């Protein structure tokens, strides 16, 4: 069994290469080997062509300084309130706040009970 690290930076290129090899007549297994992608991923991309174009690099990177300013400026903001303008998930905000030692509105509310 081969291990093919699919980092976001080269995933799109590998996917495109594998699909081009299939279009040129190669088998799925051959294309997967030549493009250095797991055969299971290639099978998935062929079955779901809409998903075959990977996003590439992460679309949004969390701006920790901006998050800190927002959390301090609006202590009543929920995770979702903080996540929306930053265009990241609420889970990413929660993890970042924990790493910065800041509490969330939900945590303060539970502490008051």
N, C-alpha and C. Protein backbone atom coordinates (compact mmCIF):
# COMPACT_ATOMS: atom_id res chain seq x y z
N UNK A 1 0.84 -1.18 0.00
CA UNK A 1 0.00 0.00 0.00
C UNK A 1 0.89 1.24 0.00
N UNK A 2 0.62 2.17 -0.90
CA UNK A 2 1.41 3.39 -1.01
C UNK A 2 0.78 4.50 -0.20
N UNK A 3 1.62 5.35 0.32
CA UNK A 3 1.15 6.54 1.02
C UNK A 3 1.44 7.74 0.12
N UNK A 4 0.41 8.45 -0.25
CA UNK A 4 0.56 9.61 -1.11
C UNK A 4 0.10 10.83 -0.33
N UNK A 5 1.02 11.66 0.16
CA UNK A 5 0.57 12.85 0.89
C UNK A 5 -0.09 13.83 -0.07
N UNK A 6 -1.32 14.15 0.16
CA UNK A 6 -2.04 15.08 -0.71
C UNK A 6 -2.15 16.44 -0.03
N UNK A 7 -1.07 17.21 -0.11
CA UNK A 7 -1.09 18.54 0.45
C UNK A 7 -1.96 19.42 -0.43
N UNK A 8 -2.59 20.39 0.15
CA UNK A 8 -3.50 21.26 -0.59
C UNK A 8 -2.82 21.92 -1.79
N UNK A 9 -1.54 22.24 -1.65
CA UNK A 9 -0.85 22.96 -2.72
C UNK A 9 -0.73 22.15 -4.01
N UNK A 10 -0.52 20.83 -3.88
CA UNK A 10 -0.32 20.06 -5.11
C UNK A 10 -1.47 19.11 -5.42
N UNK A 11 -2.50 19.11 -4.60
CA UNK A 11 -3.64 18.21 -4.81
C UNK A 11 -4.35 18.53 -6.12
N UNK A 12 -4.58 19.79 -6.39
CA UNK A 12 -5.28 20.18 -7.62
C UNK A 12 -4.49 19.75 -8.85
N UNK A 13 -3.18 19.93 -8.82
CA UNK A 13 -2.35 19.56 -9.96
C UNK A 13 -2.35 18.05 -10.17
N UNK A 14 -2.26 17.30 -9.08
CA UNK A 14 -2.27 15.83 -9.19
C UNK A 14 -3.61 15.33 -9.70
N UNK A 15 -4.69 15.93 -9.22
CA UNK A 15 -6.02 15.54 -9.68
C UNK A 15 -6.15 15.79 -11.18
N UNK A 16 -5.74 16.97 -11.62
CA UNK A 16 -5.84 17.32 -13.04
C UNK A 16 -5.00 16.36 -13.89
N UNK A 17 -3.80 16.05 -13.41
CA UNK A 17 -2.93 15.13 -14.15
C UNK A 17 -3.56 13.75 -14.25
N UNK A 18 -4.10 13.25 -13.15
CA UNK A 18 -4.72 11.92 -13.15
C UNK A 18 -5.93 11.87 -14.08
N UNK A 19 -6.76 12.89 -14.03
CA UNK A 19 -7.94 12.91 -14.90
C UNK A 19 -7.55 13.04 -16.37
N UNK A 20 -6.47 13.76 -16.65
CA UNK A 20 -5.98 13.87 -18.03
C UNK A 20 -5.46 12.52 -18.52
N UNK A 21 -4.79 11.79 -17.66
CA UNK A 21 -4.29 10.47 -18.03
C UNK A 21 -5.45 9.52 -18.34
N UNK A 22 -6.52 9.59 -17.54
CA UNK A 22 -7.70 8.75 -17.80
C UNK A 22 -8.32 9.13 -19.13
N UNK A 23 -8.40 10.44 -19.39
CA UNK A 23 -8.98 10.91 -20.65
C UNK A 23 -8.15 10.45 -21.85
N UNK A 24 -6.84 10.24 -21.64
CA UNK A 24 -5.98 9.79 -22.73
C UNK A 24 -6.00 8.27 -22.90
N UNK A 25 -6.79 7.57 -22.06
CA UNK A 25 -6.95 6.14 -22.24
C UNK A 25 -6.29 5.27 -21.19
N UNK A 26 -5.63 5.85 -20.22
CA UNK A 26 -5.01 5.05 -19.16
C UNK A 26 -6.07 4.50 -18.21
N UNK A 27 -5.75 3.40 -17.56
CA UNK A 27 -6.68 2.85 -16.57
C UNK A 27 -6.62 3.69 -15.30
N UNK A 28 -7.62 3.53 -14.43
CA UNK A 28 -7.63 4.28 -13.18
C UNK A 28 -6.39 3.97 -12.34
N UNK A 29 -6.03 2.71 -12.27
CA UNK A 29 -4.88 2.31 -11.47
C UNK A 29 -3.59 2.90 -12.03
N UNK A 30 -3.44 2.84 -13.35
CA UNK A 30 -2.26 3.41 -14.00
C UNK A 30 -2.18 4.92 -13.77
N UNK A 31 -3.31 5.59 -13.94
CA UNK A 31 -3.35 7.05 -13.77
C UNK A 31 -3.04 7.42 -12.33
N UNK A 32 -3.56 6.67 -11.39
CA UNK A 32 -3.31 6.95 -9.98
C UNK A 32 -1.83 6.80 -9.65
N UNK A 33 -1.23 5.76 -10.17
CA UNK A 33 0.20 5.52 -9.93
C UNK A 33 1.05 6.63 -10.52
N UNK A 34 0.78 6.97 -11.78
CA UNK A 34 1.57 8.01 -12.45
C UNK A 34 1.38 9.39 -11.83
N UNK A 35 0.16 9.69 -11.37
CA UNK A 35 -0.11 11.01 -10.79
C UNK A 35 0.18 11.06 -9.30
N UNK A 36 0.56 9.92 -8.72
CA UNK A 36 0.88 9.83 -7.29
C UNK A 36 -0.30 10.24 -6.41
N UNK A 37 -1.46 9.70 -6.75
CA UNK A 37 -2.65 9.91 -5.91
C UNK A 37 -3.19 8.55 -5.51
N UNK A 38 -3.85 8.46 -4.38
CA UNK A 38 -4.44 7.18 -3.99
C UNK A 38 -5.51 6.76 -4.99
N UNK A 39 -5.54 5.50 -5.37
CA UNK A 39 -6.56 5.04 -6.31
C UNK A 39 -7.97 5.32 -5.81
N UNK A 40 -8.18 5.22 -4.50
CA UNK A 40 -9.52 5.48 -3.95
C UNK A 40 -9.95 6.92 -4.20
N UNK A 41 -9.02 7.86 -4.09
CA UNK A 41 -9.35 9.27 -4.37
C UNK A 41 -9.69 9.46 -5.83
N UNK A 42 -8.91 8.83 -6.69
CA UNK A 42 -9.16 8.96 -8.12
C UNK A 42 -10.52 8.37 -8.50
N UNK A 43 -10.85 7.23 -7.93
CA UNK A 43 -12.17 6.64 -8.17
C UNK A 43 -13.27 7.61 -7.73
N UNK A 44 -13.06 8.23 -6.59
CA UNK A 44 -14.05 9.19 -6.07
C UNK A 44 -14.19 10.38 -7.00
N UNK A 45 -13.07 10.92 -7.48
CA UNK A 45 -13.11 12.08 -8.36
C UNK A 45 -13.79 11.74 -9.69
N UNK A 46 -13.58 10.50 -10.18
CA UNK A 46 -14.21 10.10 -11.44
C UNK A 46 -15.72 9.94 -11.24
N UNK A 47 -16.12 9.37 -10.10
CA UNK A 47 -17.55 9.18 -9.83
C UNK A 47 -18.25 10.50 -9.54
N UNK A 48 -17.53 11.47 -9.00
CA UNK A 48 -18.10 12.76 -8.62
C UNK A 48 -17.34 13.88 -9.31
N UNK A 49 -17.56 14.06 -10.61
CA UNK A 49 -16.76 15.04 -11.35
C UNK A 49 -16.90 16.47 -10.84
N UNK A 50 -18.02 16.77 -10.22
CA UNK A 50 -18.22 18.12 -9.68
C UNK A 50 -17.22 18.39 -8.55
N UNK A 51 -16.79 17.34 -7.86
CA UNK A 51 -15.86 17.48 -6.75
C UNK A 51 -14.41 17.23 -7.18
N UNK A 52 -14.19 16.97 -8.44
CA UNK A 52 -12.85 16.62 -8.91
C UNK A 52 -11.92 17.81 -8.97
N UNK A 53 -12.45 19.01 -8.93
CA UNK A 53 -11.59 20.20 -8.94
C UNK A 53 -11.39 20.65 -7.50
N UNK A 54 -10.33 20.20 -6.85
CA UNK A 54 -10.10 20.55 -5.45
C UNK A 54 -9.88 22.05 -5.26
N UNK A 55 -10.10 22.49 -4.07
CA UNK A 55 -9.99 23.92 -3.76
C UNK A 55 -8.57 24.43 -3.80
N UNK A 56 -7.60 23.57 -3.69
CA UNK A 56 -6.22 24.02 -3.69
C UNK A 56 -5.82 24.50 -2.30
N UNK A 57 -5.15 25.64 -2.23
CA UNK A 57 -4.74 26.18 -0.93
C UNK A 57 -5.96 26.51 -0.09
N UNK A 58 -5.73 26.61 1.20
CA UNK A 58 -6.83 27.01 2.07
C UNK A 58 -7.37 28.33 1.58
N UNK A 59 -8.67 28.41 1.54
CA UNK A 59 -9.28 29.62 1.00
C UNK A 59 -9.14 30.81 1.94
N UNK A 60 -9.23 30.56 3.25
CA UNK A 60 -9.16 31.65 4.20
C UNK A 60 -8.24 31.26 5.34
N UNK A 61 -7.44 32.21 5.76
CA UNK A 61 -6.55 31.99 6.88
C UNK A 61 -7.02 32.89 8.01
N UNK A 62 -7.08 32.34 9.18
CA UNK A 62 -7.57 33.09 10.34
C UNK A 62 -6.58 34.17 10.73
N UNK A 63 -7.07 35.39 10.83
CA UNK A 63 -6.28 36.54 11.25
C UNK A 63 -6.42 36.65 12.77
N UNK A 64 -5.43 36.14 13.49
CA UNK A 64 -5.50 36.07 14.95
C UNK A 64 -5.59 37.46 15.59
N UNK A 65 -4.86 38.43 15.06
CA UNK A 65 -4.89 39.78 15.62
C UNK A 65 -6.28 40.39 15.47
N UNK A 66 -6.88 40.20 14.32
CA UNK A 66 -8.22 40.74 14.08
C UNK A 66 -9.24 40.03 14.97
N UNK A 67 -9.10 38.72 15.12
CA UNK A 67 -10.00 37.97 16.00
C UNK A 67 -9.90 38.47 17.42
N UNK A 68 -8.68 38.69 17.91
CA UNK A 68 -8.49 39.18 19.28
C UNK A 68 -9.16 40.54 19.46
N UNK A 69 -8.96 41.45 18.49
CA UNK A 69 -9.59 42.77 18.57
C UNK A 69 -11.10 42.66 18.59
N UNK A 70 -11.64 41.80 17.74
CA UNK A 70 -13.10 41.63 17.67
C UNK A 70 -13.65 41.05 18.97
N UNK A 71 -12.98 40.04 19.52
CA UNK A 71 -13.46 39.39 20.74
C UNK A 71 -13.42 40.35 21.92
N UNK A 72 -12.40 41.18 22.00
CA UNK A 72 -12.29 42.14 23.10
C UNK A 72 -13.29 43.28 22.92
N UNK A 73 -13.49 43.73 21.68
CA UNK A 73 -14.40 44.84 21.41
C UNK A 73 -15.86 44.46 21.67
N UNK A 74 -16.21 43.21 21.42
CA UNK A 74 -17.60 42.77 21.61
C UNK A 74 -17.62 41.49 22.44
N UNK A 75 -17.58 41.63 23.77
CA UNK A 75 -17.52 40.45 24.63
C UNK A 75 -18.77 39.57 24.56
N UNK A 76 -19.87 40.10 24.03
CA UNK A 76 -21.10 39.32 23.91
C UNK A 76 -21.19 38.57 22.59
N UNK A 77 -20.19 38.69 21.74
CA UNK A 77 -20.23 38.03 20.44
C UNK A 77 -20.11 36.52 20.60
N UNK A 78 -20.92 35.79 19.84
CA UNK A 78 -20.84 34.33 19.85
C UNK A 78 -19.75 33.89 18.89
N UNK A 79 -19.44 32.61 18.92
CA UNK A 79 -18.45 32.07 17.98
C UNK A 79 -18.87 32.33 16.55
N UNK A 80 -20.14 32.14 16.26
CA UNK A 80 -20.65 32.36 14.90
C UNK A 80 -20.54 33.83 14.51
N UNK A 81 -20.81 34.73 15.48
CA UNK A 81 -20.68 36.17 15.21
C UNK A 81 -19.25 36.53 14.84
N UNK A 82 -18.29 35.91 15.53
CA UNK A 82 -16.88 36.20 15.26
C UNK A 82 -16.39 35.54 13.97
N UNK A 83 -16.92 34.36 13.68
CA UNK A 83 -16.46 33.61 12.52
C UNK A 83 -16.92 34.20 11.19
N UNK A 84 -18.14 34.71 11.15
CA UNK A 84 -18.71 35.17 9.87
C UNK A 84 -17.85 36.23 9.17
N UNK A 85 -17.47 37.33 9.83
CA UNK A 85 -16.68 38.33 9.10
C UNK A 85 -15.27 37.86 8.76
N UNK A 86 -14.77 36.87 9.50
CA UNK A 86 -13.44 36.34 9.23
C UNK A 86 -13.46 35.25 8.16
N UNK A 87 -14.64 34.80 7.82
CA UNK A 87 -14.86 33.77 6.80
C UNK A 87 -14.14 32.47 7.13
N UNK A 88 -14.29 32.06 8.39
CA UNK A 88 -13.75 30.79 8.86
C UNK A 88 -14.85 30.09 9.65
N UNK A 89 -14.61 28.86 10.04
CA UNK A 89 -15.62 28.12 10.80
C UNK A 89 -15.63 28.57 12.25
N UNK A 90 -16.76 28.35 12.91
CA UNK A 90 -16.84 28.70 14.33
C UNK A 90 -15.87 27.85 15.14
N UNK A 91 -15.59 26.63 14.66
CA UNK A 91 -14.65 25.76 15.36
C UNK A 91 -13.23 26.34 15.30
N UNK A 92 -12.86 26.93 14.18
CA UNK A 92 -11.55 27.56 14.06
C UNK A 92 -11.43 28.73 15.03
N UNK A 93 -12.51 29.48 15.18
CA UNK A 93 -12.53 30.60 16.12
C UNK A 93 -12.40 30.09 17.55
N UNK A 94 -13.15 29.05 17.87
CA UNK A 94 -13.11 28.48 19.21
C UNK A 94 -11.69 28.02 19.57
N UNK A 95 -11.04 27.29 18.64
CA UNK A 95 -9.69 26.81 18.88
C UNK A 95 -8.71 27.97 19.05
N UNK A 96 -8.87 29.01 18.24
CA UNK A 96 -7.97 30.16 18.31
C UNK A 96 -8.16 30.90 19.63
N UNK A 97 -9.40 31.09 20.04
CA UNK A 97 -9.66 31.77 21.31
C UNK A 97 -9.07 31.00 22.47
N UNK A 98 -9.22 29.69 22.45
CA UNK A 98 -8.63 28.85 23.51
C UNK A 98 -7.12 28.99 23.53
N UNK A 99 -6.50 28.98 22.34
CA UNK A 99 -5.05 29.10 22.25
C UNK A 99 -4.57 30.46 22.76
N UNK A 100 -5.39 31.50 22.58
CA UNK A 100 -5.03 32.84 23.04
C UNK A 100 -5.40 33.07 24.50
N UNK A 101 -6.08 32.10 25.10
CA UNK A 101 -6.47 32.24 26.50
C UNK A 101 -7.69 33.11 26.71
N UNK A 102 -8.44 33.35 25.65
CA UNK A 102 -9.66 34.15 25.76
C UNK A 102 -10.85 33.21 25.90
N UNK A 103 -11.84 33.66 26.64
CA UNK A 103 -13.03 32.83 26.79
C UNK A 103 -14.09 33.25 25.78
N UNK A 104 -15.05 32.39 25.60
CA UNK A 104 -16.14 32.67 24.68
C UNK A 104 -17.36 33.10 25.47
N UNK A 105 -18.30 33.69 24.78
CA UNK A 105 -19.54 34.09 25.44
C UNK A 105 -20.22 32.89 26.07
N UNK A 106 -20.21 31.77 25.38
CA UNK A 106 -20.85 30.56 25.89
C UNK A 106 -20.19 30.08 27.18
N UNK A 107 -18.85 30.15 27.23
CA UNK A 107 -18.11 29.70 28.41
C UNK A 107 -18.42 30.61 29.60
N UNK A 108 -18.48 31.92 29.36
CA UNK A 108 -18.81 32.86 30.45
C UNK A 108 -20.23 32.62 30.94
N UNK A 109 -21.14 32.32 30.02
CA UNK A 109 -22.53 32.09 30.41
C UNK A 109 -22.63 30.83 31.27
N UNK A 110 -21.91 29.76 30.90
CA UNK A 110 -21.93 28.53 31.70
C UNK A 110 -21.31 28.75 33.07
N UNK A 111 -20.29 29.59 33.14
CA UNK A 111 -19.60 29.85 34.41
C UNK A 111 -20.50 30.59 35.40
N UNK A 112 -21.43 31.38 34.89
CA UNK A 112 -22.32 32.14 35.76
C UNK A 112 -23.39 31.27 36.40
N UNK A 113 -23.67 30.11 35.82
CA UNK A 113 -24.74 29.25 36.33
C UNK A 113 -24.42 28.66 37.66
